[in-house]
Amino acid sequence: MQRIAESELIINSRGAVYHLDTRPEEIASTIITVGDPDRVAMVSRYFDRIEHQNQHREFITHTGWLGNRRISVVSTGIGTDNIDIVLNELDALVNIDFNTRTIKPALQSLDIIRVGTSGSLQKDIPVDAFVASTHGLGIDNLLNFYRLEQNDEDNQLVQAFITQTQLNSRIAAPYIAGAGSGLLKHFVDGFHHGITVTCPGFYGPQGRVLRLGLTNPGLVDNLTAFSFGQHRISNFEMETAAIYGLGKLLGHQCLSLSAIVANRVDQEFSKDGGKTVDNLIRRTLEILSAR
């Protein structure tokens, strides 16, 4: 087995992977990711006990127990560039032997659930609702650096997306990946389902205009109107497609759950987004603890 060089996998002086500053024994097989570092404590306060806590930069990890289930909560920060770090390092923690720097012969699959906020792109998905993403469709380009293979239906959906949204190659080379079916089936009651588009920014890439003009001013309307068979776009945010794409390549079950804090069609914003996020956290933990 080929040894992974020190420059490629950075392990610090306490035997922890560099960015997360976490050792293999400090991470659970069920992991909740949150963008906001402050949201880690919002999740772990519902644990029966916390056995490990650490922080390095924007990456905070709490690992503990909820009933008989061991769960880790990890903050990622915003954007797919951070997801690239977090997903690769979570995988390294369970599938690379840090002593020999070689890939383990028996690979472990993690359950990774994103709990975040998002903007709705459909009138019938109101603020304060929940979305469980069936697919992540990326216009951020991260997965184009990896060998992501898509089936014929995926390729047809992406081509229809490019045609209907008028996105050209100068802006993005879209990709798509699906949710982990083993997780998605548990998040049905009380959740809207649909494709989540992952954008490389919050303002222009999500069609917001402050002082700058846009190259695709009709983006929001085109995303709302998109259809392919039974598929439509439910919402957009900044991490889901990267989680789904990397999770698929690495063999992990991934699911993205969003608290809708804005409806871009009605131009409404939640009056109490914090409460909506807390409701989603509690519902997620309730479902996970019952599995």
C-alpha atoms as a PDB file:
ATOM      1  CA  MET A   1       0.000   0.000   0.000  1.00  0.00           C
ATOM      2  CA  GLN A   2       1.418   3.387  -1.015  1.00  0.00           C
ATOM      3  CA  ARG A   3       2.411   5.697   1.818  1.00  0.00           C
ATOM      4  CA  ILE A   4       0.776   9.153   1.863  1.00  0.00           C
ATOM      5  CA  ALA A   5       3.411  11.888   2.180  1.00  0.00           C
ATOM      6  CA  GLU A   6       3.562  14.386   5.038  1.00  0.00           C
ATOM      7  CA  SER A   7       2.846  17.244   2.619  1.00  0.00           C
ATOM      8  CA  GLU A   8      -0.403  15.609   1.448  1.00  0.00           C
ATOM      9  CA  LEU A   9      -1.893  14.582   4.799  1.00  0.00           C
ATOM     10  CA  ILE A  10      -0.813  16.918   7.581  1.00  0.00           C
ATOM     11  CA  ILE A  11      -0.891  15.368  11.062  1.00  0.00           C
ATOM     12  CA  ASN A  12      -0.032  17.672  13.955  1.00  0.00           C
ATOM     13  CA  SER A  13       2.083  17.028  17.029  1.00  0.00           C
ATOM     14  CA  ARG A  14      -0.771  15.475  19.011  1.00  0.00           C
ATOM     15  CA  GLY A  15      -1.621  13.020  16.241  1.00  0.00           C
ATOM     16  CA  ALA A  16      -4.628  14.960  14.952  1.00  0.00           C
ATOM     17  CA  VAL A  17      -5.536  15.813  11.368  1.00  0.00           C
ATOM     18  CA  TYR A  18      -4.439  19.396  10.742  1.00  0.00           C
ATOM     19  CA  HIS A  19      -7.476  21.600  10.068  1.00  0.00           C
ATOM     20  CA  LEU A  20      -9.990  19.815  12.284  1.00  0.00           C
ATOM     21  CA  ASP A  21      -7.339  19.192  14.985  1.00  0.00           C
ATOM     22  CA  THR A  22      -9.149  15.922  15.725  1.00  0.00           C
ATOM     23  CA  ARG A  23      -7.763  12.439  16.350  1.00  0.00           C
ATOM     24  CA  PRO A  24      -9.423   9.283  15.022  1.00  0.00           C
ATOM     25  CA  GLU A  25     -10.769   8.243  18.423  1.00  0.00           C
ATOM     26  CA  GLU A  26     -12.370  11.692  18.903  1.00  0.00           C
ATOM     27  CA  ILE A  27     -14.843  11.407  16.028  1.00  0.00           C
ATOM     28  CA  ALA A  28     -18.102   9.420  15.889  1.00  0.00           C
ATOM     29  CA  SER A  29     -19.490   7.510  12.911  1.00  0.00           C
ATOM     30  CA  THR A  30     -22.569   9.752  12.879  1.00  0.00           C
ATOM     31  CA  ILE A  31     -21.600  13.352  12.166  1.00  0.00           C
ATOM     32  CA  ILE A  32     -23.673  16.523  11.984  1.00  0.00           C
ATOM     33  CA  THR A  33     -22.034  19.383  10.103  1.00  0.00           C
ATOM     34  CA  VAL A  34     -23.029  23.007  10.634  1.00  0.00           C
ATOM     35  CA  GLY A  35     -21.698  26.070   8.870  1.00  0.00           C
ATOM     36  CA  ASP A  36     -21.756  28.445  11.842  1.00  0.00           C
ATOM     37  CA  PRO A  37     -19.209  27.578  14.571  1.00  0.00           C
ATOM     38  CA  ASP A  38     -21.632  28.913  17.207  1.00  0.00           C
ATOM     39  CA  ARG A  39     -24.177  26.339  16.060  1.00  0.00           C
ATOM     40  CA  VAL A  40     -22.056  23.437  17.339  1.00  0.00           C
ATOM     41  CA  ALA A  41     -23.026  24.224  20.929  1.00  0.00           C
ATOM     42  CA  MET A  42     -26.647  24.683  19.825  1.00  0.00           C
ATOM     43  CA  VAL A  43     -26.588  21.020  18.817  1.00  0.00           C
ATOM     44  CA  SER A  44     -24.436  19.503  21.556  1.00  0.00           C
ATOM     45  CA  ARG A  45     -26.478  21.107  24.351  1.00  0.00           C
ATOM     46  CA  TYR A  46     -29.067  18.413  23.625  1.00  0.00           C
ATOM     47  CA  PHE A  47     -26.546  15.589  24.153  1.00  0.00           C
ATOM     48  CA  ASP A  48     -26.798  13.533  27.312  1.00  0.00           C
ATOM     49  CA  ARG A  49     -23.069  13.998  27.768  1.00  0.00           C
ATOM     50  CA  ILE A  50     -20.129  15.461  25.862  1.00  0.00           C
ATOM     51  CA  GLU A  51     -16.866  13.510  25.899  1.00  0.00           C
ATOM     52  CA  HIS A  52     -14.677  15.640  23.619  1.00  0.00           C
ATOM     53  CA  GLN A  53     -14.446  19.289  22.528  1.00  0.00           C
ATOM     54  CA  ASN A  54     -11.855  21.124  20.477  1.00  0.00           C
ATOM     55  CA  GLN A  55     -11.444  24.129  18.186  1.00  0.00           C
ATOM     56  CA  HIS A  56      -8.979  25.108  15.456  1.00  0.00           C
ATOM     57  CA  ARG A  57      -9.769  28.192  13.386  1.00  0.00           C
ATOM     58  CA  GLU A  58     -13.444  27.982  12.334  1.00  0.00           C
ATOM     59  CA  PHE A  59     -13.517  24.213  12.853  1.00  0.00           C
ATOM     60  CA  ILE A  60     -15.136  23.244  16.164  1.00  0.00           C
ATOM     61  CA  THR A  61     -15.837  19.615  17.084  1.00  0.00           C
ATOM     62  CA  HIS A  62     -18.002  18.289  19.902  1.00  0.00           C
ATOM     63  CA  THR A  63     -18.440  14.529  20.310  1.00  0.00           C
ATOM     64  CA  GLY A  64     -20.881  13.025  22.762  1.00  0.00           C
ATOM     65  CA  TRP A  65     -23.818  10.738  23.352  1.00  0.00           C
ATOM     66  CA  LEU A  66     -27.543  11.018  22.736  1.00  0.00           C
ATOM     67  CA  GLY A  67     -29.029   7.937  24.316  1.00  0.00           C
ATOM     68  CA  ASN A  68     -27.109   4.998  22.874  1.00  0.00           C
ATOM     69  CA  ARG A  69     -25.922   6.895  19.795  1.00  0.00           C
ATOM     70  CA  ARG A  70     -22.498   8.534  19.663  1.00  0.00           C
ATOM     71  CA  ILE A  71     -22.604  11.721  17.571  1.00  0.00           C
ATOM     72  CA  SER A  72     -20.071  14.342  16.532  1.00  0.00           C
ATOM     73  CA  VAL A  73     -20.928  17.908  15.555  1.00  0.00           C
ATOM     74  CA  VAL A  74     -18.404  19.694  13.328  1.00  0.00           C
ATOM     75  CA  SER A  75     -18.504  23.276  12.090  1.00  0.00           C
ATOM     76  CA  THR A  76     -17.390  23.743   8.503  1.00  0.00           C
ATOM     77  CA  GLY A  77     -17.594  27.463   7.950  1.00  0.00           C
ATOM     78  CA  ILE A  78     -19.248  28.713   4.776  1.00  0.00           C
ATOM     79  CA  GLY A  79     -18.628  27.429   1.269  1.00  0.00           C
ATOM     80  CA  THR A  80     -17.491  24.434  -0.723  1.00  0.00           C
ATOM     81  CA  ASP A  81     -13.787  25.187  -0.238  1.00  0.00           C
ATOM     82  CA  ASN A  82     -14.248  24.450   3.469  1.00  0.00           C
ATOM     83  CA  ILE A  83     -16.322  21.367   2.653  1.00  0.00           C
ATOM     84  CA  ASP A  84     -13.372  20.074   0.627  1.00  0.00           C
ATOM     85  CA  ILE A  85     -11.255  20.276   3.785  1.00  0.00           C
ATOM     86  CA  VAL A  86     -13.839  18.842   6.194  1.00  0.00           C
ATOM     87  CA  LEU A  87     -15.029  15.886   4.098  1.00  0.00           C
ATOM     88  CA  ASN A  88     -11.510  14.800   3.165  1.00  0.00           C
ATOM     89  CA  GLU A  89     -10.280  15.081   6.762  1.00  0.00           C
ATOM     90  CA  LEU A  90     -13.311  13.263   8.226  1.00  0.00           C
ATOM     91  CA  ASP A  91     -12.673  10.456   5.766  1.00  0.00           C
ATOM     92  CA  ALA A  92      -8.974  10.403   6.631  1.00  0.00           C
ATOM     93  CA  LEU A  93      -9.812  10.027  10.324  1.00  0.00           C
ATOM     94  CA  VAL A  94     -11.599   6.720   9.730  1.00  0.00           C
ATOM     95  CA  ASN A  95     -10.011   5.333   6.559  1.00  0.00           C
ATOM     96  CA  ILE A  96      -6.314   6.183   6.786  1.00  0.00           C
ATOM     97  CA  ASP A  97      -3.932   4.639   9.314  1.00  0.00           C
ATOM     98  CA  PHE A  98      -2.133   7.657  10.798  1.00  0.00           C
ATOM     99  CA  ASN A  99       0.825   5.534  11.959  1.00  0.00           C
ATOM    100  CA  THR A 100       1.631   3.963   8.598  1.00  0.00           C
ATOM    101  CA  ARG A 101       0.074   6.733   6.460  1.00  0.00           C
ATOM    102  CA  THR A 102      -1.643   4.119   4.316  1.00  0.00           C
ATOM    103  CA  ILE A 103      -5.276   3.559   3.376  1.00  0.00           C
ATOM    104  CA  LYS A 104      -6.920   0.939   5.568  1.00  0.00           C
ATOM    105  CA  PRO A 105      -7.897  -2.312   3.803  1.00  0.00           C
ATOM    106  CA  ALA A 106     -11.433  -2.203   5.254  1.00  0.00           C
ATOM    107  CA  LEU A 107     -13.114   1.149   4.658  1.00  0.00           C
ATOM    108  CA  GLN A 108     -15.688   2.701   6.992  1.00  0.00           C
ATOM    109  CA  SER A 109     -18.771   4.579   5.817  1.00  0.00           C
ATOM    110  CA  LEU A 110     -19.826   7.596   7.863  1.00  0.00           C
ATOM    111  CA  ASP A 111     -23.304   9.108   8.199  1.00  0.00           C
ATOM    112  CA  ILE A 112     -22.859  12.837   7.544  1.00  0.00           C
ATOM    113  CA  ILE A 113     -25.853  15.154   7.989  1.00  0.00           C
ATOM    114  CA  ARG A 114     -25.628  18.854   7.192  1.00  0.00           C
ATOM    115  CA  VAL A 115     -27.957  21.021   9.280  1.00  0.00           C
ATOM    116  CA  GLY A 116     -28.006  24.531   7.883  1.00  0.00           C
ATOM    117  CA  THR A 117     -29.989  27.453   6.535  1.00  0.00           C
ATOM    118  CA  SER A 118     -31.134  28.107   3.003  1.00  0.00           C
ATOM    119  CA  GLY A 119     -33.274  30.221   0.712  1.00  0.00           C
ATOM    120  CA  SER A 120     -36.400  28.744  -0.872  1.00  0.00           C
ATOM    121  CA  LEU A 121     -36.924  29.038  -4.621  1.00  0.00           C
ATOM    122  CA  GLN A 122     -40.573  27.902  -4.622  1.00  0.00           C
ATOM    123  CA  LYS A 123     -43.678  29.741  -3.396  1.00  0.00           C
ATOM    124  CA  ASP A 124     -45.002  26.579  -1.740  1.00  0.00           C
ATOM    125  CA  ILE A 125     -41.872  26.169   0.419  1.00  0.00           C
ATOM    126  CA  PRO A 126     -42.365  29.011   2.918  1.00  0.00           C
ATOM    127  CA  VAL A 127     -39.975  30.545   5.409  1.00  0.00           C
ATOM    128  CA  ASP A 128     -39.514  28.402   8.531  1.00  0.00           C
ATOM    129  CA  ALA A 129     -40.104  25.182   6.559  1.00  0.00           C
ATOM    130  CA  PHE A 130     -37.593  22.305   6.322  1.00  0.00           C
ATOM    131  CA  VAL A 131     -36.026  20.859   3.169  1.00  0.00           C
ATOM    132  CA  ALA A 132     -34.264  17.504   2.804  1.00  0.00           C
ATOM    133  CA  SER A 133     -32.229  17.677  -0.403  1.00  0.00           C
ATOM    134  CA  THR A 134     -32.695  14.756  -2.789  1.00  0.00           C
ATOM    135  CA  HIS A 135     -29.779  16.030  -4.892  1.00  0.00           C
ATOM    136  CA  GLY A 136     -27.078  18.653  -4.728  1.00  0.00           C
ATOM    137  CA  LEU A 137     -26.449  20.473  -8.012  1.00  0.00           C
ATOM    138  CA  GLY A 138     -23.225  22.435  -7.897  1.00  0.00           C
ATOM    139  CA  ILE A 139     -22.383  25.581  -9.849  1.00  0.00           C
ATOM    140  CA  ASP A 140     -19.246  26.054  -7.759  1.00  0.00           C
ATOM    141  CA  ASN A 141     -16.836  23.797  -9.757  1.00  0.00           C
ATOM    142  CA  LEU A 142     -15.261  21.972  -6.757  1.00  0.00           C
ATOM    143  CA  LEU A 143     -16.171  18.461  -7.909  1.00  0.00           C
ATOM    144  CA  ASN A 144     -14.726  19.167 -11.344  1.00  0.00           C
ATOM    145  CA  PHE A 145     -11.310  18.726  -9.698  1.00  0.00           C
ATOM    146  CA  TYR A 146     -12.254  15.119  -8.847  1.00  0.00           C
ATOM    147  CA  ARG A 147     -13.249  12.127 -10.971  1.00  0.00           C
ATOM    148  CA  LEU A 148     -16.980  12.256 -10.348  1.00  0.00           C
ATOM    149  CA  GLU A 149     -18.811   9.870 -12.659  1.00  0.00           C
ATOM    150  CA  GLN A 150     -22.433  10.682 -13.431  1.00  0.00           C
ATOM    151  CA  ASN A 151     -24.991   8.327 -14.968  1.00  0.00           C
ATOM    152  CA  ASP A 152     -27.025   9.101 -18.086  1.00  0.00           C
ATOM    153  CA  GLU A 153     -29.948  10.568 -16.133  1.00  0.00           C
ATOM    154  CA  ASP A 154     -27.604  12.824 -14.174  1.00  0.00           C
ATOM    155  CA  ASN A 155     -25.956  14.018 -17.382  1.00  0.00           C
ATOM    156  CA  GLN A 156     -29.336  14.699 -18.988  1.00  0.00           C
ATOM    157  CA  LEU A 157     -30.512  16.605 -15.914  1.00  0.00           C
ATOM    158  CA  VAL A 158     -27.356  18.737 -15.866  1.00  0.00           C
ATOM    159  CA  GLN A 159     -27.681  19.483 -19.585  1.00  0.00           C
ATOM    160  CA  ALA A 160     -31.323  20.504 -19.106  1.00  0.00           C
ATOM    161  CA  PHE A 161     -30.244  22.688 -16.195  1.00  0.00           C
ATOM    162  CA  ILE A 162     -27.616  24.464 -18.310  1.00  0.00           C
ATOM    163  CA  THR A 163     -30.106  25.030 -21.120  1.00  0.00           C
ATOM    164  CA  GLN A 164     -32.953  26.272 -18.944  1.00  0.00           C
ATOM    165  CA  THR A 165     -30.882  28.482 -16.638  1.00  0.00           C
ATOM    166  CA  GLN A 166     -28.690  29.897 -19.421  1.00  0.00           C
ATOM    167  CA  LEU A 167     -25.516  29.202 -17.447  1.00  0.00           C
ATOM    168  CA  ASN A 168     -22.547  29.002 -19.781  1.00  0.00           C
ATOM    169  CA  SER A 169     -19.097  27.496 -19.335  1.00  0.00           C
ATOM    170  CA  ARG A 170     -17.605  30.898 -18.463  1.00  0.00           C
ATOM    171  CA  ILE A 171     -19.621  30.863 -15.248  1.00  0.00           C
ATOM    172  CA  ALA A 172     -19.811  27.202 -14.259  1.00  0.00           C
ATOM    173  CA  ALA A 173     -19.538  23.572 -15.290  1.00  0.00           C
ATOM    174  CA  PRO A 174     -22.433  22.172 -13.208  1.00  0.00           C
ATOM    175  CA  TYR A 175     -22.367  18.732 -11.572  1.00  0.00           C
ATOM    176  CA  ILE A 176     -24.902  16.731  -9.590  1.00  0.00           C
ATOM    177  CA  ALA A 177     -24.896  14.053  -6.870  1.00  0.00           C
ATOM    178  CA  GLY A 178     -27.681  12.431  -4.874  1.00  0.00           C
ATOM    179  CA  ALA A 179     -28.410  12.122  -1.169  1.00  0.00           C
ATOM    180  CA  GLY A 180     -27.624   8.939   0.715  1.00  0.00           C
ATOM    181  CA  SER A 181     -30.815   6.896   0.369  1.00  0.00           C
ATOM    182  CA  GLY A 182     -30.208   5.215   3.726  1.00  0.00           C
ATOM    183  CA  LEU A 183     -30.552   8.604   5.436  1.00  0.00           C
ATOM    184  CA  LEU A 184     -33.074  10.372   3.204  1.00  0.00           C
ATOM    185  CA  LYS A 185     -35.778   7.742   3.852  1.00  0.00           C
ATOM    186  CA  HIS A 186     -35.907   8.776   7.511  1.00  0.00           C
ATOM    187  CA  PHE A 187     -36.482  12.472   6.734  1.00  0.00           C
ATOM    188  CA  VAL A 188     -39.858  12.515   4.979  1.00  0.00           C
ATOM    189  CA  ASP A 189     -42.592  13.649   7.384  1.00  0.00           C
ATOM    190  CA  GLY A 190     -42.389  17.417   7.834  1.00  0.00           C
ATOM    191  CA  PHE A 191     -39.770  17.865   5.101  1.00  0.00           C
ATOM    192  CA  HIS A 192     -40.030  19.222   1.566  1.00  0.00           C
ATOM    193  CA  HIS A 193     -37.886  17.351  -0.965  1.00  0.00           C
ATOM    194  CA  GLY A 194     -36.139  18.728  -4.034  1.00  0.00           C
ATOM    195  CA  ILE A 195     -32.864  19.576  -5.749  1.00  0.00           C
ATOM    196  CA  THR A 196     -30.635  22.004  -3.857  1.00  0.00           C
ATOM    197  CA  VAL A 197     -28.377  24.230  -5.955  1.00  0.00           C
ATOM    198  CA  THR A 198     -25.015  25.016  -4.385  1.00  0.00           C
ATOM    199  CA  CYS A 199     -23.582  28.431  -5.243  1.00  0.00           C
ATOM    200  CA  PRO A 200     -20.005  29.748  -4.899  1.00  0.00           C
ATOM    201  CA  GLY A 201     -21.122  32.933  -3.141  1.00  0.00           C
ATOM    202  CA  PHE A 202     -23.984  34.690  -1.360  1.00  0.00           C
ATOM    203  CA  TYR A 203     -24.552  37.826  -3.413  1.00  0.00           C
ATOM    204  CA  GLY A 204     -24.001  37.712  -7.180  1.00  0.00           C
ATOM    205  CA  PRO A 205     -23.975  33.885  -7.404  1.00  0.00           C
ATOM    206  CA  GLN A 206     -27.380  33.858  -5.710  1.00  0.00           C
ATOM    207  CA  GLY A 207     -28.793  36.660  -7.840  1.00  0.00           C
ATOM    208  CA  ARG A 208     -28.580  39.424  -5.231  1.00  0.00           C
ATOM    209  CA  VAL A 209     -27.970  42.957  -6.464  1.00  0.00           C
ATOM    210  CA  LEU A 210     -26.443  45.602  -4.217  1.00  0.00           C
ATOM    211  CA  ARG A 211     -24.096  47.847  -6.237  1.00  0.00           C
ATOM    212  CA  LEU A 212     -22.868  45.422  -8.907  1.00  0.00           C
ATOM    213  CA  GLY A 213     -24.529  44.301 -12.099  1.00  0.00           C
ATOM    214  CA  LEU A 214     -24.979  40.600 -12.834  1.00  0.00           C
ATOM    215  CA  THR A 215     -24.085  38.552 -15.897  1.00  0.00           C
ATOM    216  CA  ASN A 216     -27.200  36.397 -15.397  1.00  0.00           C
ATOM    217  CA  PRO A 217     -29.851  38.694 -13.856  1.00  0.00           C
ATOM    218  CA  GLY A 218     -32.618  36.149 -14.469  1.00  0.00           C
ATOM    219  CA  LEU A 219     -30.900  33.381 -12.479  1.00  0.00           C
ATOM    220  CA  VAL A 220     -33.400  33.173  -9.598  1.00  0.00           C
ATOM    221  CA  ASP A 221     -36.402  33.076 -11.937  1.00  0.00           C
ATOM    222  CA  ASN A 222     -34.708  30.457 -14.117  1.00  0.00           C
ATOM    223  CA  LEU A 223     -33.893  28.267 -11.118  1.00  0.00           C
ATOM    224  CA  THR A 224     -37.472  28.504  -9.878  1.00  0.00           C
ATOM    225  CA  ALA A 225     -38.857  27.571 -13.292  1.00  0.00           C
ATOM    226  CA  PHE A 226     -36.473  24.645 -13.880  1.00  0.00           C
ATOM    227  CA  SER A 227     -38.016  21.211 -14.324  1.00  0.00           C
ATOM    228  CA  PHE A 228     -36.772  17.823 -15.491  1.00  0.00           C
ATOM    229  CA  GLY A 229     -39.303  15.017 -15.273  1.00  0.00           C
ATOM    230  CA  GLN A 230     -40.432  14.939 -11.639  1.00  0.00           C
ATOM    231  CA  HIS A 231     -37.494  17.042 -10.494  1.00  0.00           C
ATOM    232  CA  ARG A 232     -37.518  20.709  -9.536  1.00  0.00           C
ATOM    233  CA  ILE A 233     -35.180  23.003  -7.615  1.00  0.00           C
ATOM    234  CA  SER A 234     -36.379  23.607  -4.072  1.00  0.00           C
ATOM    235  CA  ASN A 235     -33.692  25.872  -2.636  1.00  0.00           C
ATOM    236  CA  PHE A 236     -30.108  27.065  -2.852  1.00  0.00           C
ATOM    237  CA  GLU A 237     -27.194  27.513  -0.461  1.00  0.00           C
ATOM    238  CA  MET A 238     -23.388  27.051  -0.427  1.00  0.00           C
ATOM    239  CA  GLU A 239     -22.366  23.513   0.664  1.00  0.00           C
ATOM    240  CA  THR A 240     -24.748  20.680  -0.266  1.00  0.00           C
ATOM    241  CA  ALA A 241     -23.469  19.624  -3.705  1.00  0.00           C
ATOM    242  CA  ALA A 242     -19.896  19.407  -2.426  1.00  0.00           C
ATOM    243  CA  ILE A 243     -20.980  17.236   0.513  1.00  0.00           C
ATOM    244  CA  TYR A 244     -22.974  14.934  -1.757  1.00  0.00           C
ATOM    245  CA  GLY A 245     -20.288  14.721  -4.434  1.00  0.00           C
ATOM    246  CA  LEU A 246     -17.382  14.058  -2.089  1.00  0.00           C
ATOM    247  CA  GLY A 247     -19.527  11.743   0.019  1.00  0.00           C
ATOM    248  CA  LYS A 248     -20.376   9.685  -3.052  1.00  0.00           C
ATOM    249  CA  LEU A 249     -16.734   9.409  -4.090  1.00  0.00           C
ATOM    250  CA  LEU A 250     -15.560   8.520  -0.586  1.00  0.00           C
ATOM    251  CA  GLY A 251     -18.361   6.036   0.141  1.00  0.00           C
ATOM    252  CA  HIS A 252     -20.233   7.927   2.876  1.00  0.00           C
ATOM    253  CA  GLN A 253     -23.980   8.388   3.413  1.00  0.00           C
ATOM    254  CA  CYS A 254     -24.729  12.113   3.241  1.00  0.00           C
ATOM    255  CA  LEU A 255     -27.843  14.204   3.728  1.00  0.00           C
ATOM    256  CA  SER A 256     -28.393  17.958   3.683  1.00  0.00           C
ATOM    257  CA  LEU A 257     -31.196  19.423   5.794  1.00  0.00           C
ATOM    258  CA  SER A 258     -32.089  23.088   5.488  1.00  0.00           C
ATOM    259  CA  ALA A 259     -34.109  25.459   7.625  1.00  0.00           C
ATOM    260  CA  ILE A 260     -35.678  27.890   5.168  1.00  0.00           C
ATOM    261  CA  VAL A 261     -34.989  31.406   6.440  1.00  0.00           C
ATOM    262  CA  ALA A 262     -35.726  33.258   3.182  1.00  0.00           C
ATOM    263  CA  ASN A 263     -38.158  32.836   0.306  1.00  0.00           C
ATOM    264  CA  ARG A 264     -36.584  34.429  -2.769  1.00  0.00           C
ATOM    265  CA  VAL A 265     -39.804  34.247  -4.803  1.00  0.00           C
ATOM    266  CA  ASP A 266     -41.897  36.149  -2.256  1.00  0.00           C
ATOM    267  CA  GLN A 267     -38.838  38.091  -1.024  1.00  0.00           C
ATOM    268  CA  GLU A 268     -39.612  37.222   2.585  1.00  0.00           C
ATOM    269  CA  PHE A 269     -37.223  36.567   5.466  1.00  0.00           C
ATOM    270  CA  SER A 270     -37.940  34.620   8.634  1.00  0.00           C
ATOM    271  CA  LYS A 271     -38.915  36.688  11.644  1.00  0.00           C
ATOM    272  CA  ASP A 272     -37.161  34.201  13.961  1.00  0.00           C
ATOM    273  CA  GLY A 273     -34.586  32.210  12.026  1.00  0.00           C
ATOM    274  CA  GLY A 274     -32.861  31.122  15.212  1.00  0.00           C
ATOM    275  CA  LYS A 275     -35.994  29.367  16.422  1.00  0.00           C
ATOM    276  CA  THR A 276     -36.434  27.673  13.043  1.00  0.00           C
ATOM    277  CA  VAL A 277     -32.852  26.383  13.133  1.00  0.00           C
ATOM    278  CA  ASP A 278     -33.345  25.123  16.696  1.00  0.00           C
ATOM    279  CA  ASN A 279     -36.534  23.328  15.628  1.00  0.00           C
ATOM    280  CA  LEU A 280     -34.609  21.633  12.808  1.00  0.00           C
ATOM    281  CA  ILE A 281     -31.796  20.622  15.176  1.00  0.00           C
ATOM    282  CA  ARG A 282     -34.222  19.049  17.634  1.00  0.00           C
ATOM    283  CA  ARG A 283     -36.125  17.238  14.880  1.00  0.00           C
ATOM    284  CA  THR A 284     -32.879  15.923  13.383  1.00  0.00           C
ATOM    285  CA  LEU A 285     -31.645  14.607  16.735  1.00  0.00           C
ATOM    286  CA  GLU A 286     -35.032  13.037  17.433  1.00  0.00           C
ATOM    287  CA  ILE A 287     -34.873  11.116  14.154  1.00  0.00           C
ATOM    288  CA  LEU A 288     -31.223  10.095  14.576  1.00  0.00           C
ATOM    289  CA  SER A 289     -31.734   8.851  18.130  1.00  0.00           C
ATOM    290  CA  ALA A 290     -34.685   6.707  17.011  1.00  0.00           C
ATOM    291  CA  ARG A 291     -32.740   4.914  14.245  1.00  0.00           C
END
